[in-house]
């Protein structure tokens, strides 16, 4: 089985979530994950992860995307060791973790170079199967 991976260092700015969304949908689409609704959900997860890293993390923000067969994992690392937690929504936020939980198979936090990495396994993409080389491909209907 071969794994597909992509890394992206992001600016610590309010433009980072949009850049991450564009990059992830382009990468995943190029790897054969082409369901538009699934790509939109993946973009929301990435946007929430990056927004949290920019708002609360500090340091460098690094996005990692990996696909092993039809399992896709996105992760965002930042310079803070503070673990994200669910909180009550208010006028400025508090919905990110709930969105990530609703749109994913699960998430974990790992120590990473003095900060943390939040890893999220996305839900399976409809219409994707694996060819013999191990890379994801859209299935013909």
N, C-alpha and C. Protein backbone atom coordinates (compact mmCIF):
# COMPACT_ATOMS: atom_id res chain seq x y z
N UNK A 1 0.85 -1.17 0.00
CA UNK A 1 0.00 0.00 0.00
C UNK A 1 0.89 1.24 0.00
N UNK A 2 0.61 2.14 -0.90
CA UNK A 2 1.36 3.40 -0.90
C UNK A 2 0.51 4.50 -0.29
N UNK A 3 1.18 5.39 0.36
CA UNK A 3 0.50 6.52 0.98
C UNK A 3 0.76 7.76 0.15
N UNK A 4 -0.22 8.61 0.08
CA UNK A 4 -0.09 9.91 -0.57
C UNK A 4 -0.02 10.95 0.54
N UNK A 5 0.93 11.88 0.44
CA UNK A 5 1.05 12.91 1.47
C UNK A 5 1.31 14.26 0.85
N UNK A 6 0.86 15.29 1.54
CA UNK A 6 1.11 16.67 1.14
C UNK A 6 1.31 17.50 2.40
N UNK A 7 2.25 18.43 2.35
CA UNK A 7 2.54 19.33 3.47
C UNK A 7 2.42 20.77 2.98
N UNK A 8 1.96 21.63 3.86
CA UNK A 8 1.86 23.04 3.52
C UNK A 8 2.10 23.86 4.79
N UNK A 9 3.09 24.74 4.73
CA UNK A 9 3.28 25.71 5.81
C UNK A 9 2.40 26.91 5.51
N UNK A 10 1.69 27.37 6.51
CA UNK A 10 0.72 28.45 6.32
C UNK A 10 1.15 29.70 7.08
N UNK A 11 0.77 30.86 6.54
CA UNK A 11 1.08 32.09 7.27
C UNK A 11 0.20 32.19 8.52
N UNK A 12 0.72 32.79 9.55
CA UNK A 12 -0.05 32.99 10.76
C UNK A 12 -0.89 34.26 10.56
N UNK A 13 -1.93 34.13 9.72
CA UNK A 13 -2.75 35.28 9.38
C UNK A 13 -4.19 34.86 9.15
N UNK A 14 -5.05 35.84 9.02
CA UNK A 14 -6.47 35.53 8.78
C UNK A 14 -6.71 34.94 7.41
N UNK A 15 -5.72 35.00 6.51
CA UNK A 15 -5.85 34.41 5.18
C UNK A 15 -5.53 32.91 5.17
N UNK A 16 -4.95 32.40 6.25
CA UNK A 16 -4.51 31.01 6.30
C UNK A 16 -5.66 30.00 6.10
N UNK A 17 -6.83 30.16 6.74
CA UNK A 17 -7.89 29.17 6.53
C UNK A 17 -8.33 29.06 5.06
N UNK A 18 -8.47 30.17 4.38
CA UNK A 18 -8.87 30.14 2.97
C UNK A 18 -7.80 29.47 2.11
N UNK A 19 -6.54 29.77 2.37
CA UNK A 19 -5.45 29.14 1.63
C UNK A 19 -5.45 27.63 1.87
N UNK A 20 -5.68 27.23 3.11
CA UNK A 20 -5.72 25.81 3.44
C UNK A 20 -6.88 25.10 2.75
N UNK A 21 -8.06 25.73 2.73
CA UNK A 21 -9.22 25.13 2.05
C UNK A 21 -8.93 24.90 0.58
N UNK A 22 -8.39 25.91 -0.08
CA UNK A 22 -8.08 25.79 -1.51
C UNK A 22 -7.06 24.69 -1.76
N UNK A 23 -6.02 24.65 -0.95
CA UNK A 23 -4.96 23.65 -1.13
C UNK A 23 -5.48 22.24 -0.92
N UNK A 24 -6.25 22.04 0.14
CA UNK A 24 -6.73 20.69 0.45
C UNK A 24 -7.70 20.19 -0.61
N UNK A 25 -8.61 21.01 -1.07
CA UNK A 25 -9.54 20.53 -2.09
C UNK A 25 -8.82 20.24 -3.40
N UNK A 26 -7.80 21.03 -3.73
CA UNK A 26 -7.03 20.76 -4.95
C UNK A 26 -6.25 19.45 -4.81
N UNK A 27 -5.59 19.25 -3.68
CA UNK A 27 -4.80 18.03 -3.47
C UNK A 27 -5.70 16.80 -3.47
N UNK A 28 -6.76 16.84 -2.68
CA UNK A 28 -7.64 15.68 -2.60
C UNK A 28 -8.31 15.38 -3.94
N UNK A 29 -8.73 16.41 -4.65
CA UNK A 29 -9.30 16.22 -5.98
C UNK A 29 -8.30 15.57 -6.92
N UNK A 30 -7.05 16.00 -6.85
CA UNK A 30 -6.01 15.42 -7.67
C UNK A 30 -5.72 13.97 -7.33
N UNK A 31 -5.98 13.58 -6.10
CA UNK A 31 -5.77 12.19 -5.68
C UNK A 31 -6.97 11.30 -5.99
N UNK A 32 -8.03 11.86 -6.56
CA UNK A 32 -9.18 11.06 -6.93
C UNK A 32 -10.37 11.17 -6.01
N UNK A 33 -10.28 12.00 -4.99
CA UNK A 33 -11.41 12.22 -4.08
C UNK A 33 -12.22 13.39 -4.66
N UNK A 34 -13.27 13.07 -5.40
CA UNK A 34 -13.92 14.12 -6.20
C UNK A 34 -15.37 14.41 -5.83
N UNK A 35 -15.91 13.76 -4.84
CA UNK A 35 -17.29 14.03 -4.46
C UNK A 35 -17.38 15.47 -3.93
N UNK A 36 -18.17 16.34 -4.58
CA UNK A 36 -18.16 17.76 -4.18
C UNK A 36 -18.64 18.01 -2.75
N UNK A 37 -19.64 17.27 -2.29
CA UNK A 37 -20.11 17.47 -0.91
C UNK A 37 -19.05 17.04 0.10
N UNK A 38 -18.39 15.92 -0.18
CA UNK A 38 -17.32 15.43 0.69
C UNK A 38 -16.17 16.43 0.72
N UNK A 39 -15.80 16.95 -0.45
CA UNK A 39 -14.72 17.95 -0.50
C UNK A 39 -15.09 19.20 0.29
N UNK A 40 -16.36 19.62 0.21
CA UNK A 40 -16.80 20.77 1.00
C UNK A 40 -16.66 20.48 2.50
N UNK A 41 -17.04 19.28 2.93
CA UNK A 41 -16.92 18.92 4.34
C UNK A 41 -15.46 18.86 4.76
N UNK A 42 -14.60 18.32 3.91
CA UNK A 42 -13.16 18.28 4.21
C UNK A 42 -12.63 19.70 4.36
N UNK A 43 -13.08 20.60 3.49
CA UNK A 43 -12.64 22.00 3.55
C UNK A 43 -13.09 22.67 4.84
N UNK A 44 -14.28 22.35 5.31
CA UNK A 44 -14.77 22.92 6.58
C UNK A 44 -13.90 22.43 7.74
N UNK A 45 -13.59 21.14 7.76
CA UNK A 45 -12.74 20.59 8.83
C UNK A 45 -11.39 21.29 8.83
N UNK A 46 -10.77 21.39 7.66
CA UNK A 46 -9.46 22.04 7.56
C UNK A 46 -9.54 23.49 7.98
N UNK A 47 -10.57 24.18 7.55
CA UNK A 47 -10.74 25.58 7.91
C UNK A 47 -10.84 25.75 9.42
N UNK A 48 -11.60 24.89 10.07
CA UNK A 48 -11.74 24.97 11.53
C UNK A 48 -10.42 24.69 12.22
N UNK A 49 -9.70 23.67 11.76
CA UNK A 49 -8.40 23.35 12.36
C UNK A 49 -7.42 24.52 12.22
N UNK A 50 -7.35 25.08 11.03
CA UNK A 50 -6.41 26.18 10.79
C UNK A 50 -6.85 27.44 11.54
N UNK A 51 -8.13 27.72 11.56
CA UNK A 51 -8.63 28.89 12.31
C UNK A 51 -8.25 28.77 13.78
N UNK A 52 -8.45 27.58 14.36
CA UNK A 52 -8.07 27.39 15.76
C UNK A 52 -6.58 27.57 15.97
N UNK A 53 -5.77 27.06 15.04
CA UNK A 53 -4.31 27.19 15.16
C UNK A 53 -3.88 28.66 15.07
N UNK A 54 -4.49 29.41 14.16
CA UNK A 54 -4.14 30.82 14.02
C UNK A 54 -4.60 31.61 15.25
N UNK A 55 -5.82 31.36 15.70
CA UNK A 55 -6.38 32.10 16.84
C UNK A 55 -5.75 31.77 18.17
N UNK A 56 -5.52 30.48 18.39
CA UNK A 56 -5.14 30.04 19.73
C UNK A 56 -3.76 29.40 19.80
N UNK A 57 -3.17 29.08 18.66
CA UNK A 57 -1.95 28.28 18.66
C UNK A 57 -0.67 29.06 18.73
N UNK A 58 -0.44 29.91 17.78
CA UNK A 58 0.82 30.63 17.71
C UNK A 58 1.91 29.81 17.06
N UNK A 59 2.99 30.48 16.74
CA UNK A 59 4.09 29.81 16.06
C UNK A 59 3.73 29.51 14.61
N UNK A 60 4.45 28.60 14.03
CA UNK A 60 4.22 28.19 12.65
C UNK A 60 2.98 27.30 12.59
N UNK A 61 2.20 27.41 11.53
CA UNK A 61 1.04 26.55 11.31
C UNK A 61 1.36 25.66 10.12
N UNK A 62 1.33 24.35 10.34
CA UNK A 62 1.66 23.39 9.29
C UNK A 62 0.48 22.45 9.06
N UNK A 63 0.10 22.31 7.81
CA UNK A 63 -1.00 21.43 7.40
C UNK A 63 -0.41 20.20 6.74
N UNK A 64 -0.91 19.04 7.12
CA UNK A 64 -0.46 17.77 6.55
C UNK A 64 -1.71 17.01 6.12
N UNK A 65 -1.69 16.49 4.90
CA UNK A 65 -2.79 15.69 4.37
C UNK A 65 -2.21 14.35 3.96
N UNK A 66 -2.86 13.28 4.37
CA UNK A 66 -2.39 11.96 3.97
C UNK A 66 -3.57 11.07 3.61
N UNK A 67 -3.35 10.22 2.62
CA UNK A 67 -4.35 9.25 2.22
C UNK A 67 -3.70 7.87 2.19
N UNK A 68 -4.27 6.96 2.93
CA UNK A 68 -3.85 5.55 2.95
C UNK A 68 -5.07 4.77 2.48
N UNK A 69 -4.98 4.22 1.28
CA UNK A 69 -6.14 3.60 0.66
C UNK A 69 -7.24 4.67 0.59
N UNK A 70 -8.41 4.40 1.17
CA UNK A 70 -9.47 5.39 1.12
C UNK A 70 -9.63 6.16 2.43
N UNK A 71 -8.67 6.03 3.34
CA UNK A 71 -8.68 6.77 4.60
C UNK A 71 -7.88 8.05 4.43
N UNK A 72 -8.52 9.17 4.71
CA UNK A 72 -7.86 10.47 4.60
C UNK A 72 -7.75 11.08 5.99
N UNK A 73 -6.53 11.52 6.30
CA UNK A 73 -6.27 12.18 7.58
C UNK A 73 -5.69 13.55 7.29
N UNK A 74 -6.27 14.56 7.92
CA UNK A 74 -5.72 15.91 7.84
C UNK A 74 -5.25 16.28 9.24
N UNK A 75 -4.14 16.98 9.31
CA UNK A 75 -3.66 17.42 10.61
C UNK A 75 -3.08 18.82 10.48
N UNK A 76 -3.18 19.53 11.59
CA UNK A 76 -2.63 20.89 11.66
C UNK A 76 -1.81 20.97 12.93
N UNK A 77 -0.57 21.41 12.77
CA UNK A 77 0.33 21.59 13.90
C UNK A 77 0.55 23.07 14.15
N UNK A 78 0.71 23.42 15.42
CA UNK A 78 1.01 24.81 15.77
C UNK A 78 1.94 24.81 16.98
N UNK A 79 2.32 25.98 17.42
CA UNK A 79 3.32 26.12 18.47
C UNK A 79 2.81 26.09 19.89
N UNK A 80 1.51 25.91 20.09
CA UNK A 80 0.96 25.90 21.45
C UNK A 80 0.72 24.47 21.91
N UNK A 81 0.98 24.21 23.17
CA UNK A 81 0.70 22.88 23.72
C UNK A 81 -0.69 22.81 24.34
N UNK A 82 -1.44 23.90 24.29
CA UNK A 82 -2.79 23.92 24.87
C UNK A 82 -3.71 23.06 24.00
N UNK A 83 -4.34 22.09 24.63
CA UNK A 83 -5.21 21.15 23.93
C UNK A 83 -6.57 21.80 23.68
N UNK A 84 -7.06 21.71 22.43
CA UNK A 84 -8.39 22.28 22.15
C UNK A 84 -9.47 21.53 22.92
N UNK A 85 -10.50 22.26 23.27
CA UNK A 85 -11.61 21.64 24.00
C UNK A 85 -12.92 22.23 23.49
N UNK A 86 -13.93 21.44 23.65
CA UNK A 86 -15.27 21.88 23.27
C UNK A 86 -15.71 22.94 24.27
N UNK A 87 -16.34 24.00 23.77
CA UNK A 87 -16.88 25.03 24.66
C UNK A 87 -18.22 25.49 24.12
N UNK A 88 -18.94 26.19 24.95
CA UNK A 88 -20.25 26.70 24.53
C UNK A 88 -20.05 27.79 23.48
N UNK A 89 -20.83 27.73 22.40
CA UNK A 89 -20.73 28.78 21.37
C UNK A 89 -21.12 30.14 21.93
N UNK A 90 -20.45 31.17 21.43
CA UNK A 90 -20.81 32.54 21.78
C UNK A 90 -20.73 33.37 20.50
N UNK A 91 -20.70 34.65 20.61
CA UNK A 91 -20.68 35.52 19.43
C UNK A 91 -19.41 35.47 18.62
N UNK A 92 -18.32 34.96 19.19
CA UNK A 92 -17.05 34.92 18.48
C UNK A 92 -16.59 33.53 18.11
N UNK A 93 -17.17 32.50 18.62
CA UNK A 93 -16.71 31.15 18.27
C UNK A 93 -17.32 30.09 19.16
N UNK A 94 -16.62 28.97 19.24
CA UNK A 94 -17.07 27.87 20.06
C UNK A 94 -17.77 26.76 19.30
N UNK A 95 -17.79 26.86 17.96
CA UNK A 95 -18.47 25.84 17.16
C UNK A 95 -17.50 24.89 16.46
N UNK A 96 -16.22 25.22 16.45
CA UNK A 96 -15.24 24.48 15.67
C UNK A 96 -15.13 23.01 16.01
N UNK A 97 -14.96 22.68 17.28
CA UNK A 97 -14.82 21.29 17.68
C UNK A 97 -16.09 20.50 17.36
N UNK A 98 -17.25 21.10 17.58
CA UNK A 98 -18.50 20.41 17.26
C UNK A 98 -18.60 20.13 15.76
N UNK A 99 -18.18 21.08 14.93
CA UNK A 99 -18.18 20.86 13.48
C UNK A 99 -17.21 19.74 13.10
N UNK A 100 -16.02 19.78 13.67
CA UNK A 100 -15.03 18.74 13.38
C UNK A 100 -15.57 17.37 13.77
N UNK A 101 -16.19 17.28 14.93
CA UNK A 101 -16.75 16.00 15.37
C UNK A 101 -17.89 15.52 14.46
N UNK A 102 -18.71 16.45 13.99
CA UNK A 102 -19.83 16.07 13.13
C UNK A 102 -19.39 15.63 11.74
N UNK A 103 -18.26 16.15 11.27
CA UNK A 103 -17.82 15.89 9.90
C UNK A 103 -16.64 14.93 9.80
N UNK A 104 -16.34 14.22 10.89
CA UNK A 104 -15.18 13.34 10.86
C UNK A 104 -15.47 12.02 11.55
N UNK A 105 -14.54 11.08 11.34
CA UNK A 105 -14.63 9.79 12.01
C UNK A 105 -14.00 9.86 13.40
N UNK A 106 -13.24 10.92 13.67
CA UNK A 106 -12.62 11.09 14.97
C UNK A 106 -11.42 12.01 14.89
N UNK A 107 -10.96 12.47 16.06
CA UNK A 107 -9.81 13.35 16.11
C UNK A 107 -9.02 13.11 17.38
N UNK A 108 -7.72 13.39 17.30
CA UNK A 108 -6.84 13.25 18.45
C UNK A 108 -5.86 14.43 18.46
N UNK A 109 -5.25 14.64 19.61
CA UNK A 109 -4.22 15.66 19.75
C UNK A 109 -2.93 14.95 20.14
N UNK A 110 -1.84 15.32 19.46
CA UNK A 110 -0.52 14.75 19.73
C UNK A 110 0.45 15.87 20.07
N UNK A 111 1.44 15.55 20.91
CA UNK A 111 2.54 16.48 21.13
C UNK A 111 3.33 16.57 19.83
N UNK A 112 3.77 17.79 19.52
CA UNK A 112 4.51 17.98 18.27
C UNK A 112 5.48 19.14 18.41
N UNK A 113 6.76 18.82 18.51
CA UNK A 113 7.83 19.82 18.50
C UNK A 113 7.57 20.99 19.46
N UNK A 114 7.19 20.69 20.69
CA UNK A 114 6.93 21.72 21.69
C UNK A 114 5.53 22.30 21.62
N UNK A 115 4.79 21.97 20.60
CA UNK A 115 3.41 22.41 20.45
C UNK A 115 2.50 21.20 20.36
N UNK A 116 1.53 21.27 19.46
CA UNK A 116 0.60 20.15 19.29
C UNK A 116 0.26 19.97 17.82
N UNK A 117 -0.24 18.79 17.53
CA UNK A 117 -0.80 18.49 16.21
C UNK A 117 -2.18 17.91 16.45
N UNK A 118 -3.18 18.46 15.77
CA UNK A 118 -4.54 17.92 15.84
C UNK A 118 -4.76 17.13 14.56
N UNK A 119 -5.01 15.82 14.72
CA UNK A 119 -5.19 14.91 13.59
C UNK A 119 -6.66 14.50 13.51
N UNK A 120 -7.21 14.60 12.31
CA UNK A 120 -8.62 14.28 12.09
C UNK A 120 -8.73 13.27 10.96
N UNK A 121 -9.42 12.17 11.24
CA UNK A 121 -9.72 11.20 10.19
C UNK A 121 -11.07 11.60 9.58
N UNK A 122 -11.05 11.88 8.29
CA UNK A 122 -12.27 12.27 7.61
C UNK A 122 -13.18 11.06 7.41
N UNK A 123 -14.47 11.33 7.26
CA UNK A 123 -15.41 10.28 6.91
C UNK A 123 -15.05 9.75 5.52
N UNK A 124 -15.43 8.50 5.21
CA UNK A 124 -15.11 7.96 3.88
C UNK A 124 -15.75 8.79 2.76
N UNK A 125 -15.01 8.93 1.67
CA UNK A 125 -15.50 9.67 0.51
C UNK A 125 -16.35 8.75 -0.36
N UNK A 126 -17.59 9.14 -0.65
CA UNK A 126 -18.43 8.33 -1.52
C UNK A 126 -17.80 8.18 -2.91
N UNK A 127 -17.94 6.99 -3.48
CA UNK A 127 -17.48 6.77 -4.84
C UNK A 127 -15.99 6.57 -4.99
N UNK A 128 -15.27 6.39 -3.90
CA UNK A 128 -13.82 6.18 -3.98
C UNK A 128 -13.53 4.73 -3.64
N UNK A 129 -12.72 4.14 -4.47
CA UNK A 129 -12.20 2.80 -4.20
C UNK A 129 -10.71 2.85 -4.48
N UNK A 130 -10.01 1.79 -4.14
CA UNK A 130 -8.57 1.76 -4.36
C UNK A 130 -8.25 0.87 -5.54
N UNK A 131 -7.34 1.35 -6.41
CA UNK A 131 -6.88 0.51 -7.49
C UNK A 131 -5.73 -0.35 -6.98
N UNK A 132 -5.14 -1.18 -7.82
CA UNK A 132 -4.12 -2.11 -7.39
C UNK A 132 -2.84 -1.42 -6.95
N UNK A 133 -2.61 -0.19 -7.37
CA UNK A 133 -1.39 0.52 -6.97
C UNK A 133 -1.52 1.12 -5.58
N UNK A 134 -2.74 1.09 -5.01
CA UNK A 134 -2.93 1.61 -3.67
C UNK A 134 -3.38 3.06 -3.62
N UNK A 135 -3.54 3.71 -4.78
CA UNK A 135 -3.98 5.09 -4.75
C UNK A 135 -5.49 5.15 -4.97
N UNK A 136 -6.10 6.14 -4.37
CA UNK A 136 -7.54 6.30 -4.43
C UNK A 136 -7.95 6.73 -5.83
N UNK A 137 -9.03 6.18 -6.30
CA UNK A 137 -9.57 6.55 -7.61
C UNK A 137 -11.08 6.62 -7.51
N UNK A 138 -11.67 7.48 -8.28
CA UNK A 138 -13.12 7.51 -8.35
C UNK A 138 -13.62 6.25 -9.03
N UNK A 139 -14.65 5.64 -8.50
CA UNK A 139 -15.16 4.43 -9.11
C UNK A 139 -16.16 4.76 -10.20
N UNK A 140 -16.13 3.97 -11.23
CA UNK A 140 -17.06 4.17 -12.35
C UNK A 140 -18.40 3.57 -11.98
N UNK A 141 -19.46 4.28 -12.28
CA UNK A 141 -20.78 3.76 -11.97
C UNK A 141 -21.47 3.33 -13.23
